[in-house]
N, C-alpha and C. Protein backbone atom coordinates (compact mmCIF):
# COMPACT_ATOMS: atom_id res chain seq x y z
N MET A 1 -17.40 8.91 15.00
CA MET A 1 -18.49 8.76 15.93
C MET A 1 -18.11 9.46 17.22
N THR A 2 -19.00 10.19 17.78
CA THR A 2 -18.74 10.88 19.03
C THR A 2 -19.60 10.26 20.13
N SER A 3 -19.27 10.62 21.36
CA SER A 3 -20.02 10.06 22.48
C SER A 3 -21.48 10.50 22.45
N THR A 4 -21.82 11.57 21.73
CA THR A 4 -23.20 12.01 21.66
C THR A 4 -24.05 11.08 20.80
N ASP A 5 -23.44 10.15 20.09
CA ASP A 5 -24.17 9.17 19.29
C ASP A 5 -24.77 8.07 20.16
N PHE A 6 -24.40 8.01 21.43
CA PHE A 6 -24.87 6.98 22.35
C PHE A 6 -25.66 7.60 23.48
N ASP A 7 -26.11 6.76 24.41
CA ASP A 7 -26.76 7.26 25.62
C ASP A 7 -25.79 8.19 26.33
N PRO A 8 -26.29 9.10 27.14
CA PRO A 8 -25.39 10.02 27.86
C PRO A 8 -24.38 9.26 28.72
N ALA A 9 -23.19 9.79 28.78
CA ALA A 9 -22.13 9.17 29.59
C ALA A 9 -22.46 9.32 31.06
N THR A 10 -21.93 8.39 31.85
CA THR A 10 -22.06 8.51 33.29
C THR A 10 -20.81 9.18 33.83
N THR A 11 -20.93 9.76 35.00
CA THR A 11 -19.79 10.40 35.63
C THR A 11 -19.84 10.08 37.11
N VAL A 12 -19.06 9.08 37.52
CA VAL A 12 -19.02 8.70 38.93
C VAL A 12 -17.91 9.46 39.65
N LEU A 13 -16.90 9.92 38.91
CA LEU A 13 -15.76 10.61 39.51
C LEU A 13 -15.80 12.10 39.19
N ASP A 14 -15.60 12.91 40.21
CA ASP A 14 -15.44 14.35 39.98
C ASP A 14 -14.05 14.64 39.44
N ASP A 15 -13.08 13.82 39.84
CA ASP A 15 -11.69 13.97 39.41
C ASP A 15 -11.17 12.60 39.00
N ILE A 16 -10.79 12.44 37.75
CA ILE A 16 -10.35 11.13 37.25
C ILE A 16 -8.86 10.89 37.47
N SER A 17 -8.18 11.75 38.21
CA SER A 17 -6.75 11.57 38.46
C SER A 17 -6.50 10.21 39.10
N GLY A 18 -5.39 9.59 38.69
CA GLY A 18 -5.01 8.30 39.26
C GLY A 18 -4.29 7.44 38.25
N ASP A 19 -4.02 6.21 38.65
CA ASP A 19 -3.34 5.23 37.80
C ASP A 19 -4.34 4.21 37.28
N TYR A 20 -4.22 3.90 35.99
CA TYR A 20 -5.18 3.03 35.32
C TYR A 20 -4.46 1.98 34.47
N THR A 21 -5.18 0.89 34.22
CA THR A 21 -4.72 -0.16 33.31
C THR A 21 -5.79 -0.35 32.24
N LEU A 22 -5.36 -0.43 30.98
CA LEU A 22 -6.33 -0.65 29.90
C LEU A 22 -7.02 -1.99 30.09
N ASP A 23 -8.31 -2.02 29.79
CA ASP A 23 -9.10 -3.24 29.83
C ASP A 23 -9.20 -3.77 28.39
N PRO A 24 -8.40 -4.78 28.04
CA PRO A 24 -8.40 -5.27 26.65
C PRO A 24 -9.75 -5.81 26.18
N ALA A 25 -10.58 -6.29 27.11
CA ALA A 25 -11.87 -6.84 26.73
C ALA A 25 -12.86 -5.75 26.31
N HIS A 26 -12.59 -4.50 26.70
CA HIS A 26 -13.51 -3.41 26.38
C HIS A 26 -12.82 -2.23 25.71
N THR A 27 -11.65 -2.49 25.16
CA THR A 27 -10.88 -1.47 24.44
C THR A 27 -10.67 -1.95 23.01
N ARG A 28 -10.76 -1.04 22.07
CA ARG A 28 -10.48 -1.38 20.66
C ARG A 28 -9.38 -0.48 20.14
N LEU A 29 -8.33 -1.10 19.61
CA LEU A 29 -7.25 -0.38 18.94
C LEU A 29 -7.39 -0.71 17.46
N GLY A 30 -8.05 0.17 16.74
CA GLY A 30 -8.41 -0.12 15.36
C GLY A 30 -7.69 0.75 14.35
N PHE A 31 -7.83 0.37 13.09
CA PHE A 31 -7.23 1.11 12.00
C PHE A 31 -8.05 0.86 10.75
N SER A 32 -7.89 1.74 9.77
CA SER A 32 -8.50 1.52 8.46
C SER A 32 -7.58 2.07 7.38
N ALA A 33 -7.67 1.44 6.21
CA ALA A 33 -6.87 1.83 5.05
C ALA A 33 -7.72 1.65 3.80
N ARG A 34 -7.37 2.36 2.75
CA ARG A 34 -8.07 2.18 1.47
C ARG A 34 -7.41 1.04 0.71
N HIS A 35 -8.25 0.19 0.09
CA HIS A 35 -7.79 -0.91 -0.74
C HIS A 35 -8.22 -0.63 -2.17
N ALA A 36 -7.24 -0.67 -3.08
CA ALA A 36 -7.48 -0.40 -4.50
C ALA A 36 -8.12 0.97 -4.71
N MET A 37 -7.99 1.82 -3.72
CA MET A 37 -8.47 3.19 -3.75
C MET A 37 -9.99 3.29 -3.90
N VAL A 38 -10.71 2.18 -3.64
CA VAL A 38 -12.17 2.22 -3.76
C VAL A 38 -12.89 1.69 -2.52
N ALA A 39 -12.23 0.91 -1.69
CA ALA A 39 -12.89 0.31 -0.52
C ALA A 39 -12.06 0.56 0.73
N THR A 40 -12.73 0.60 1.86
CA THR A 40 -12.04 0.76 3.13
C THR A 40 -11.95 -0.59 3.82
N VAL A 41 -10.74 -0.96 4.20
CA VAL A 41 -10.51 -2.19 4.96
C VAL A 41 -10.23 -1.78 6.40
N ARG A 42 -10.94 -2.42 7.32
CA ARG A 42 -10.78 -2.12 8.73
C ARG A 42 -10.18 -3.31 9.46
N GLY A 43 -9.47 -3.01 10.52
CA GLY A 43 -8.89 -4.06 11.33
C GLY A 43 -8.62 -3.56 12.73
N HIS A 44 -8.07 -4.45 13.55
CA HIS A 44 -7.74 -4.10 14.92
C HIS A 44 -6.64 -5.02 15.42
N PHE A 45 -6.08 -4.66 16.56
CA PHE A 45 -5.12 -5.51 17.26
C PHE A 45 -5.83 -6.06 18.49
N SER A 46 -5.72 -7.36 18.72
CA SER A 46 -6.46 -7.98 19.81
C SER A 46 -5.63 -8.24 21.06
N GLU A 47 -4.30 -8.11 20.97
CA GLU A 47 -3.46 -8.35 22.15
C GLU A 47 -2.60 -7.12 22.42
N PHE A 48 -2.79 -6.55 23.61
CA PHE A 48 -2.03 -5.36 23.99
C PHE A 48 -2.11 -5.17 25.50
N THR A 49 -1.18 -4.39 26.00
CA THR A 49 -1.20 -3.98 27.41
C THR A 49 -0.94 -2.48 27.43
N GLY A 50 -1.52 -1.82 28.41
CA GLY A 50 -1.31 -0.38 28.50
C GLY A 50 -1.63 0.14 29.89
N THR A 51 -0.93 1.20 30.24
CA THR A 51 -1.16 1.87 31.52
C THR A 51 -1.24 3.37 31.28
N ALA A 52 -1.91 4.04 32.22
CA ALA A 52 -2.01 5.50 32.15
C ALA A 52 -1.97 6.07 33.56
N HIS A 53 -1.24 7.15 33.69
CA HIS A 53 -1.31 7.97 34.90
C HIS A 53 -1.99 9.26 34.47
N VAL A 54 -3.15 9.54 35.07
CA VAL A 54 -3.92 10.72 34.71
C VAL A 54 -3.80 11.75 35.83
N ASP A 55 -3.42 12.97 35.44
CA ASP A 55 -3.31 14.07 36.39
C ASP A 55 -4.13 15.23 35.82
N THR A 56 -5.35 15.41 36.33
CA THR A 56 -6.23 16.44 35.78
C THR A 56 -5.76 17.85 36.13
N ALA A 57 -5.14 18.03 37.30
CA ALA A 57 -4.67 19.35 37.71
C ALA A 57 -3.44 19.78 36.92
N ASN A 58 -2.62 18.82 36.56
CA ASN A 58 -1.40 19.07 35.79
C ASN A 58 -1.33 18.05 34.66
N PRO A 59 -2.10 18.25 33.57
CA PRO A 59 -2.15 17.25 32.50
C PRO A 59 -0.77 16.86 31.96
N ALA A 60 0.18 17.78 31.96
CA ALA A 60 1.53 17.45 31.47
C ALA A 60 2.19 16.39 32.35
N GLY A 61 1.70 16.22 33.57
CA GLY A 61 2.21 15.17 34.45
C GLY A 61 1.59 13.81 34.18
N SER A 62 0.65 13.76 33.24
CA SER A 62 0.03 12.48 32.86
C SER A 62 0.98 11.69 31.98
N LYS A 63 0.77 10.39 31.92
CA LYS A 63 1.67 9.50 31.16
C LYS A 63 0.87 8.31 30.63
N VAL A 64 1.18 7.89 29.41
CA VAL A 64 0.54 6.73 28.79
C VAL A 64 1.62 5.84 28.20
N GLU A 65 1.49 4.53 28.42
CA GLU A 65 2.39 3.55 27.79
C GLU A 65 1.54 2.42 27.24
N LEU A 66 1.88 1.99 26.03
CA LEU A 66 1.11 0.96 25.33
C LEU A 66 2.06 0.04 24.59
N THR A 67 1.82 -1.26 24.70
CA THR A 67 2.57 -2.27 23.94
C THR A 67 1.55 -3.16 23.23
N ILE A 68 1.69 -3.27 21.92
CA ILE A 68 0.77 -4.05 21.09
C ILE A 68 1.54 -5.22 20.49
N ALA A 69 0.97 -6.42 20.57
CA ALA A 69 1.54 -7.58 19.88
C ALA A 69 1.19 -7.44 18.40
N ALA A 70 2.19 -7.16 17.58
CA ALA A 70 1.95 -6.91 16.15
C ALA A 70 1.28 -8.10 15.47
N ASN A 71 1.58 -9.33 15.93
CA ASN A 71 1.00 -10.50 15.28
C ASN A 71 -0.46 -10.74 15.68
N SER A 72 -1.03 -9.84 16.50
CA SER A 72 -2.45 -9.97 16.86
C SER A 72 -3.35 -9.17 15.92
N ILE A 73 -2.78 -8.73 14.79
CA ILE A 73 -3.55 -7.97 13.82
C ILE A 73 -4.67 -8.83 13.24
N ASN A 74 -5.84 -8.22 13.05
CA ASN A 74 -6.98 -8.96 12.53
C ASN A 74 -7.78 -8.03 11.63
N THR A 75 -7.81 -8.38 10.33
CA THR A 75 -8.60 -7.61 9.37
C THR A 75 -9.80 -8.42 8.87
N GLY A 76 -9.98 -9.62 9.43
CA GLY A 76 -11.07 -10.47 8.99
C GLY A 76 -10.74 -11.31 7.77
N ASN A 77 -9.47 -11.28 7.34
CA ASN A 77 -9.06 -12.07 6.18
C ASN A 77 -7.69 -12.67 6.48
N GLU A 78 -7.64 -13.99 6.60
CA GLU A 78 -6.40 -14.68 7.00
C GLU A 78 -5.24 -14.41 6.04
N GLN A 79 -5.51 -14.43 4.75
CA GLN A 79 -4.45 -14.20 3.76
C GLN A 79 -3.88 -12.78 3.89
N ARG A 80 -4.74 -11.81 4.01
CA ARG A 80 -4.29 -10.42 4.16
C ARG A 80 -3.51 -10.26 5.47
N ASP A 81 -4.03 -10.86 6.57
CA ASP A 81 -3.33 -10.77 7.85
C ASP A 81 -1.94 -11.38 7.75
N GLY A 82 -1.82 -12.52 7.07
CA GLY A 82 -0.51 -13.15 6.87
C GLY A 82 0.45 -12.24 6.12
N HIS A 83 -0.06 -11.53 5.10
CA HIS A 83 0.78 -10.60 4.35
C HIS A 83 1.22 -9.44 5.24
N LEU A 84 0.32 -8.95 6.10
CA LEU A 84 0.67 -7.84 7.00
C LEU A 84 1.73 -8.25 8.02
N LEU A 85 1.79 -9.52 8.39
CA LEU A 85 2.80 -10.01 9.34
C LEU A 85 4.17 -10.16 8.70
N SER A 86 4.22 -10.23 7.37
CA SER A 86 5.46 -10.50 6.64
C SER A 86 6.38 -9.28 6.58
N GLY A 87 7.54 -9.49 5.99
CA GLY A 87 8.52 -8.43 5.81
C GLY A 87 8.02 -7.28 4.94
N ASP A 88 6.98 -7.51 4.14
CA ASP A 88 6.42 -6.42 3.33
C ASP A 88 5.78 -5.34 4.21
N PHE A 89 5.36 -5.75 5.41
CA PHE A 89 4.70 -4.80 6.30
C PHE A 89 5.36 -4.82 7.68
N PHE A 90 4.76 -5.51 8.66
CA PHE A 90 5.21 -5.41 10.05
C PHE A 90 6.43 -6.25 10.41
N GLU A 91 6.76 -7.27 9.60
CA GLU A 91 7.93 -8.12 9.86
C GLU A 91 7.97 -8.55 11.34
N THR A 92 6.88 -9.22 11.75
CA THR A 92 6.67 -9.50 13.17
C THR A 92 7.68 -10.46 13.79
N GLU A 93 8.34 -11.29 12.99
CA GLU A 93 9.35 -12.17 13.59
C GLU A 93 10.51 -11.36 14.16
N GLU A 94 10.90 -10.30 13.49
CA GLU A 94 11.98 -9.45 13.98
C GLU A 94 11.48 -8.32 14.88
N PHE A 95 10.26 -7.84 14.63
CA PHE A 95 9.70 -6.71 15.37
C PHE A 95 8.34 -7.13 15.94
N PRO A 96 8.33 -7.88 17.04
CA PRO A 96 7.07 -8.43 17.55
C PRO A 96 6.13 -7.41 18.17
N ASN A 97 6.64 -6.24 18.57
CA ASN A 97 5.79 -5.28 19.28
C ASN A 97 5.74 -3.93 18.60
N ILE A 98 4.61 -3.29 18.73
CA ILE A 98 4.41 -1.89 18.39
C ILE A 98 4.26 -1.19 19.74
N THR A 99 4.98 -0.10 19.95
CA THR A 99 4.91 0.57 21.25
C THR A 99 4.59 2.05 21.09
N PHE A 100 3.99 2.58 22.14
CA PHE A 100 3.71 4.02 22.21
C PHE A 100 4.02 4.46 23.63
N THR A 101 4.80 5.52 23.75
CA THR A 101 5.11 6.13 25.04
C THR A 101 4.86 7.62 24.92
N SER A 102 4.01 8.13 25.78
CA SER A 102 3.68 9.56 25.69
C SER A 102 4.87 10.42 26.08
N THR A 103 4.95 11.58 25.44
CA THR A 103 5.98 12.57 25.76
C THR A 103 5.35 13.89 26.22
N ASP A 104 4.04 14.06 25.96
CA ASP A 104 3.34 15.27 26.38
C ASP A 104 1.85 14.97 26.41
N VAL A 105 1.16 15.54 27.39
CA VAL A 105 -0.30 15.43 27.48
C VAL A 105 -0.84 16.82 27.78
N SER A 106 -1.88 17.22 27.03
CA SER A 106 -2.53 18.50 27.29
C SER A 106 -4.03 18.26 27.37
N ARG A 107 -4.71 19.24 27.96
CA ARG A 107 -6.15 19.09 28.19
C ARG A 107 -6.85 20.43 28.05
N ASP A 108 -8.04 20.37 27.43
CA ASP A 108 -8.93 21.52 27.37
C ASP A 108 -10.33 20.99 27.65
N GLY A 109 -10.77 21.08 28.91
CA GLY A 109 -12.07 20.51 29.30
C GLY A 109 -12.04 19.00 29.18
N ASP A 110 -12.98 18.45 28.39
CA ASP A 110 -13.04 17.01 28.17
C ASP A 110 -12.18 16.56 26.99
N ASP A 111 -11.49 17.49 26.35
CA ASP A 111 -10.64 17.16 25.20
C ASP A 111 -9.19 17.09 25.64
N TRP A 112 -8.57 15.99 25.34
CA TRP A 112 -7.16 15.74 25.68
C TRP A 112 -6.38 15.49 24.40
N VAL A 113 -5.11 15.86 24.37
CA VAL A 113 -4.21 15.51 23.27
C VAL A 113 -3.02 14.80 23.88
N ILE A 114 -2.78 13.59 23.39
CA ILE A 114 -1.65 12.81 23.86
C ILE A 114 -0.64 12.73 22.72
N THR A 115 0.55 13.25 22.97
CA THR A 115 1.64 13.22 22.00
C THR A 115 2.66 12.23 22.53
N GLY A 116 3.22 11.44 21.61
CA GLY A 116 4.21 10.48 22.08
C GLY A 116 4.96 9.82 20.95
N ASP A 117 5.85 8.93 21.33
CA ASP A 117 6.70 8.19 20.40
C ASP A 117 6.05 6.87 20.04
N LEU A 118 5.71 6.72 18.76
CA LEU A 118 5.16 5.47 18.24
C LEU A 118 6.28 4.73 17.52
N THR A 119 6.54 3.49 17.96
CA THR A 119 7.58 2.68 17.34
C THR A 119 6.93 1.51 16.61
N VAL A 120 7.17 1.45 15.30
CA VAL A 120 6.67 0.39 14.45
C VAL A 120 7.83 -0.10 13.61
N LYS A 121 8.07 -1.39 13.63
CA LYS A 121 9.11 -2.01 12.80
C LYS A 121 10.47 -1.34 13.02
N GLY A 122 10.74 -1.00 14.29
CA GLY A 122 12.03 -0.42 14.65
C GLY A 122 12.19 1.06 14.36
N VAL A 123 11.15 1.70 13.84
CA VAL A 123 11.19 3.13 13.53
C VAL A 123 10.33 3.88 14.53
N THR A 124 10.89 4.91 15.15
CA THR A 124 10.17 5.70 16.14
C THR A 124 9.94 7.11 15.61
N ARG A 125 8.67 7.52 15.66
CA ARG A 125 8.30 8.87 15.24
C ARG A 125 7.22 9.38 16.19
N SER A 126 7.12 10.69 16.29
CA SER A 126 6.16 11.30 17.17
C SER A 126 4.81 11.44 16.47
N ILE A 127 3.74 11.15 17.22
CA ILE A 127 2.38 11.41 16.74
C ILE A 127 1.59 12.08 17.87
N SER A 128 0.55 12.81 17.49
CA SER A 128 -0.38 13.40 18.45
C SER A 128 -1.77 12.86 18.17
N VAL A 129 -2.44 12.44 19.23
CA VAL A 129 -3.78 11.87 19.10
C VAL A 129 -4.74 12.66 19.98
N PRO A 130 -5.73 13.32 19.38
CA PRO A 130 -6.76 13.99 20.19
C PRO A 130 -7.75 12.95 20.71
N PHE A 131 -8.11 13.09 21.99
CA PHE A 131 -9.06 12.19 22.64
C PHE A 131 -10.19 13.00 23.26
N GLU A 132 -11.37 12.41 23.27
CA GLU A 132 -12.51 12.97 23.98
C GLU A 132 -12.79 12.07 25.18
N PHE A 133 -12.89 12.66 26.36
CA PHE A 133 -13.26 11.92 27.56
C PHE A 133 -14.73 11.55 27.44
N THR A 134 -15.06 10.26 27.59
CA THR A 134 -16.43 9.81 27.39
C THR A 134 -17.14 9.43 28.68
N GLY A 135 -16.47 9.57 29.83
CA GLY A 135 -17.16 9.35 31.09
C GLY A 135 -16.41 8.45 32.05
N SER A 136 -16.99 8.32 33.24
CA SER A 136 -16.46 7.43 34.26
C SER A 136 -17.63 6.66 34.86
N ALA A 137 -17.34 5.46 35.36
CA ALA A 137 -18.42 4.62 35.89
C ALA A 137 -17.87 3.66 36.92
N GLN A 138 -18.77 3.19 37.76
CA GLN A 138 -18.47 2.10 38.69
C GLN A 138 -19.17 0.88 38.11
N ASP A 139 -18.41 -0.15 37.72
CA ASP A 139 -19.06 -1.30 37.10
C ASP A 139 -19.59 -2.27 38.17
N PRO A 140 -20.38 -3.28 37.78
CA PRO A 140 -20.98 -4.19 38.76
C PRO A 140 -19.96 -5.03 39.55
N PHE A 141 -18.70 -4.99 39.11
CA PHE A 141 -17.67 -5.80 39.78
C PHE A 141 -16.81 -4.97 40.72
N GLY A 142 -17.20 -3.71 40.93
CA GLY A 142 -16.48 -2.85 41.85
C GLY A 142 -15.33 -2.07 41.23
N ASN A 143 -15.18 -2.15 39.91
CA ASN A 143 -14.11 -1.43 39.22
C ASN A 143 -14.54 -0.01 38.88
N THR A 144 -13.65 0.94 39.07
CA THR A 144 -13.88 2.29 38.60
C THR A 144 -13.25 2.39 37.21
N ARG A 145 -14.04 2.83 36.25
CA ARG A 145 -13.61 2.89 34.85
C ARG A 145 -13.66 4.30 34.32
N ILE A 146 -12.77 4.59 33.37
CA ILE A 146 -12.86 5.82 32.59
C ILE A 146 -12.80 5.44 31.11
N GLY A 147 -13.38 6.29 30.28
CA GLY A 147 -13.40 6.02 28.85
C GLY A 147 -12.95 7.22 28.04
N PHE A 148 -12.29 6.92 26.93
CA PHE A 148 -11.84 7.94 25.98
C PHE A 148 -12.01 7.40 24.57
N GLU A 149 -12.27 8.29 23.63
CA GLU A 149 -12.27 7.95 22.21
C GLU A 149 -11.34 8.91 21.49
N GLY A 150 -10.54 8.38 20.58
CA GLY A 150 -9.61 9.21 19.84
C GLY A 150 -9.33 8.66 18.46
N SER A 151 -8.76 9.50 17.61
CA SER A 151 -8.37 9.05 16.28
C SER A 151 -7.27 9.96 15.74
N ALA A 152 -6.53 9.41 14.82
CA ALA A 152 -5.45 10.15 14.16
C ALA A 152 -5.20 9.51 12.81
N THR A 153 -4.59 10.25 11.92
CA THR A 153 -4.20 9.74 10.61
C THR A 153 -2.70 9.84 10.49
N LEU A 154 -2.08 8.78 10.01
CA LEU A 154 -0.63 8.80 9.80
C LEU A 154 -0.30 8.28 8.41
N LEU A 155 0.94 8.53 8.00
CA LEU A 155 1.44 8.01 6.72
C LEU A 155 2.32 6.80 7.04
N ARG A 156 1.92 5.63 6.58
CA ARG A 156 2.63 4.40 6.94
C ARG A 156 4.08 4.41 6.44
N LYS A 157 4.35 5.12 5.35
CA LYS A 157 5.72 5.17 4.83
C LYS A 157 6.68 5.81 5.84
N ASP A 158 6.15 6.67 6.74
CA ASP A 158 7.00 7.30 7.76
C ASP A 158 7.59 6.27 8.71
N TRP A 159 7.00 5.08 8.78
CA TRP A 159 7.50 3.99 9.62
C TRP A 159 8.10 2.87 8.78
N GLY A 160 8.42 3.14 7.54
CA GLY A 160 9.07 2.15 6.68
C GLY A 160 8.13 1.10 6.12
N LEU A 161 6.82 1.31 6.21
CA LEU A 161 5.84 0.38 5.66
C LEU A 161 5.49 0.86 4.25
N THR A 162 6.33 0.51 3.29
CA THR A 162 6.23 1.09 1.95
C THR A 162 5.73 0.14 0.87
N TRP A 163 5.52 -1.13 1.19
CA TRP A 163 5.09 -2.07 0.15
C TRP A 163 3.81 -1.58 -0.50
N ASN A 164 3.73 -1.75 -1.83
CA ASN A 164 2.53 -1.40 -2.56
C ASN A 164 2.57 -2.04 -3.94
N ALA A 165 1.48 -1.94 -4.64
CA ALA A 165 1.39 -2.42 -6.02
C ALA A 165 0.61 -1.38 -6.82
N ALA A 166 1.14 -1.01 -7.97
CA ALA A 166 0.47 -0.03 -8.82
C ALA A 166 -0.74 -0.69 -9.49
N LEU A 167 -1.80 0.09 -9.66
CA LEU A 167 -3.00 -0.38 -10.35
C LEU A 167 -2.95 0.06 -11.81
N GLU A 168 -3.42 -0.78 -12.70
CA GLU A 168 -3.43 -0.45 -14.13
C GLU A 168 -4.22 0.82 -14.41
N THR A 169 -5.23 1.08 -13.60
CA THR A 169 -6.10 2.24 -13.81
C THR A 169 -5.59 3.49 -13.09
N GLY A 170 -4.41 3.39 -12.49
CA GLY A 170 -3.85 4.49 -11.72
C GLY A 170 -4.08 4.26 -10.24
N GLY A 171 -3.25 4.89 -9.45
CA GLY A 171 -3.35 4.69 -8.01
C GLY A 171 -2.59 3.45 -7.57
N VAL A 172 -2.79 3.09 -6.31
CA VAL A 172 -2.07 1.96 -5.74
C VAL A 172 -3.03 1.05 -4.99
N LEU A 173 -2.56 -0.14 -4.65
CA LEU A 173 -3.40 -1.14 -4.00
C LEU A 173 -3.73 -0.76 -2.55
N VAL A 174 -2.74 -0.20 -1.82
CA VAL A 174 -2.93 0.12 -0.40
C VAL A 174 -2.61 1.60 -0.18
N SER A 175 -3.51 2.31 0.46
CA SER A 175 -3.28 3.74 0.72
C SER A 175 -2.10 3.93 1.65
N ASP A 176 -1.41 5.05 1.48
CA ASP A 176 -0.34 5.41 2.41
C ASP A 176 -0.95 5.93 3.71
N LYS A 177 -2.07 6.64 3.60
CA LYS A 177 -2.73 7.16 4.80
C LYS A 177 -3.46 6.04 5.52
N ILE A 178 -3.19 5.96 6.82
CA ILE A 178 -3.85 4.98 7.68
C ILE A 178 -4.56 5.76 8.78
N LYS A 179 -5.81 5.44 9.01
CA LYS A 179 -6.57 6.08 10.08
C LYS A 179 -6.55 5.16 11.30
N LEU A 180 -6.19 5.72 12.43
CA LEU A 180 -6.18 4.99 13.69
C LEU A 180 -7.42 5.38 14.50
N GLN A 181 -8.03 4.40 15.15
CA GLN A 181 -9.19 4.67 16.01
C GLN A 181 -8.95 3.99 17.36
N PHE A 182 -9.21 4.74 18.43
CA PHE A 182 -9.00 4.23 19.78
C PHE A 182 -10.28 4.39 20.58
N ASP A 183 -10.82 3.29 21.06
CA ASP A 183 -11.95 3.27 21.96
C ASP A 183 -11.42 2.67 23.26
N ILE A 184 -11.21 3.51 24.25
CA ILE A 184 -10.46 3.13 25.44
C ILE A 184 -11.36 2.97 26.65
N SER A 185 -11.21 1.85 27.35
CA SER A 185 -11.79 1.66 28.66
C SER A 185 -10.65 1.27 29.59
N ALA A 186 -10.45 2.03 30.64
CA ALA A 186 -9.36 1.78 31.57
C ALA A 186 -9.91 1.64 32.98
N ILE A 187 -9.32 0.73 33.73
CA ILE A 187 -9.74 0.44 35.10
C ILE A 187 -8.75 1.06 36.07
N LYS A 188 -9.29 1.76 37.07
CA LYS A 188 -8.44 2.40 38.07
C LYS A 188 -7.78 1.33 38.94
N ASN A 189 -6.46 1.49 39.12
CA ASN A 189 -5.72 0.56 39.96
C ASN A 189 -6.12 0.74 41.41
N ALA A 190 -6.18 -0.38 42.12
CA ALA A 190 -6.57 -0.34 43.54
C ALA A 190 -5.47 0.28 44.39
């Protein structure tokens, strides 16, 4: 989904440079995976904190940091969520957080690419996530907000998430490819 699927974005800021904090109430950190190779299961993390320093003149000077409580995973199914918290997947008792720290930021107009170190279950690997700037606004509470949407696909085995079950008809129960979706709303720090 792109921002053109909605009403036109607002733009209150000519320059979005500054320091921001993610607004968890209006941000979605989502993912999807194939189940039994026939259905898509979607979920999200509901507890996280994040900050961003945005530098439009020198995008490489921008920085993003994100910490996600791994046990806040929600796929809409308690049994599945419990399995994801176990040692077969996130092993949240030993690895309570998923973290991302940017190592490079680039920009081409409204398109940004954030590259950084994603740490899951004690394994750190680099990923790049393309983002589209979706606008800026002044909300009714006096907050200046910016929005971004992004997505990326990763292989969960690269982070040691290898549990699976073979299907009698071929294929596996859980896809290795995981799609990440980010709908970001960030509030400018005072």
